């Protein structure tokens, strides 16, 4: 019942939306370029800081456990 109501509501909202003529393709391209120019550096900074925090957490966990990642990868066997 609720799904049918939601479907009818969505159809009525879509039909009530104003029709767009499409606008200028150059304007749309300019908007895309501006959004990308703002979002790209922000996302790169977010990825970098997240990666640094993750690596730091891994180092802290290694120190706490006393086993290095290399040792764990070798199954606890030392190569020496």
Protein backbone atom coordinates (compact mmCIF):
# COMPACT_ATOMS: atom_id res chain seq x y z
CA UNK A 1 0.00 0.00 0.00
CA UNK A 2 2.74 2.45 0.98
CA UNK A 3 4.80 1.53 -2.10
CA UNK A 4 1.87 2.27 -4.41
CA UNK A 5 1.31 5.62 -2.71
CA UNK A 6 5.01 6.46 -3.02
CA UNK A 7 5.02 5.51 -6.70
CA UNK A 8 1.97 7.70 -7.40
CA UNK A 9 3.58 10.58 -5.48
CA UNK A 10 6.82 10.31 -7.46
CA UNK A 11 4.92 10.28 -10.76
CA UNK A 12 2.99 13.38 -9.74
CA UNK A 13 6.18 15.15 -8.66
CA UNK A 14 7.92 14.34 -11.93
CA UNK A 15 4.97 15.51 -13.99
CA UNK A 16 4.74 18.75 -11.98
CA UNK A 17 8.43 19.55 -12.48
CA UNK A 18 9.15 22.37 -14.91
CA UNK A 19 10.41 21.36 -18.33
CA UNK A 20 13.93 22.47 -19.13
CA UNK A 21 14.93 23.52 -22.60
CA UNK A 22 18.33 21.91 -22.08
CA UNK A 23 20.36 25.07 -21.71
CA UNK A 24 23.64 25.77 -23.39
CA UNK A 25 26.04 22.84 -23.70
CA UNK A 26 28.93 25.25 -23.05
CA UNK A 27 27.32 26.43 -19.82
CA UNK A 28 26.86 22.84 -18.69
CA UNK A 29 30.49 22.11 -19.55
CA UNK A 30 31.65 25.19 -17.63
CA UNK A 31 29.66 24.10 -14.57
CA UNK A 32 31.19 20.63 -14.79
CA UNK A 33 34.71 22.10 -15.04
CA UNK A 34 34.15 24.35 -12.01
CA UNK A 35 32.73 21.51 -9.92
CA UNK A 36 35.64 19.25 -10.90
CA UNK A 37 38.17 22.00 -10.16
CA UNK A 38 36.76 22.38 -6.65
CA UNK A 39 36.00 18.74 -5.85
CA UNK A 40 39.21 17.12 -7.18
CA UNK A 41 41.67 18.81 -4.76
CA UNK A 42 39.29 18.35 -1.83
CA UNK A 43 38.89 14.65 -2.55
CA UNK A 44 42.66 14.25 -3.05
CA UNK A 45 43.32 15.90 0.32
CA UNK A 46 40.69 13.69 1.98
CA UNK A 47 42.20 10.52 0.46
CA UNK A 48 45.71 11.56 1.50
CA UNK A 49 44.76 12.36 5.09
CA UNK A 50 42.70 9.17 5.42
CA UNK A 51 45.58 7.11 4.08
CA UNK A 52 48.06 8.74 6.47
CA UNK A 53 45.77 8.14 9.44
CA UNK A 54 45.27 4.51 8.43
CA UNK A 55 49.02 3.92 8.07
CA UNK A 56 49.64 5.55 11.44
CA UNK A 57 46.98 3.35 13.05
CA UNK A 58 48.60 0.26 11.48
CA UNK A 59 52.02 1.32 12.83
CA UNK A 60 50.54 1.84 16.30
CA UNK A 61 48.84 -1.56 16.18
CA UNK A 62 52.11 -3.21 15.08
CA UNK A 63 53.98 -1.60 17.97
CA UNK A 64 51.30 -2.71 20.41
CA UNK A 65 51.28 -6.29 19.14
CA UNK A 66 55.05 -6.57 18.79
CA UNK A 67 54.77 -8.22 15.35
CA UNK A 68 55.68 -6.39 12.20
CA UNK A 69 53.55 -6.67 9.10
CA UNK A 70 56.45 -8.29 7.24
CA UNK A 71 56.73 -10.97 9.92
CA UNK A 72 53.01 -11.59 9.85
CA UNK A 73 53.10 -11.91 6.05
CA UNK A 74 55.84 -14.53 6.32
CA UNK A 75 53.80 -16.49 8.83
CA UNK A 76 55.84 -15.36 11.82
CA UNK A 77 59.08 -16.81 10.45
CA UNK A 78 62.13 -14.65 10.51
CA UNK A 79 64.25 -14.56 7.34
CA UNK A 80 67.45 -14.29 9.36
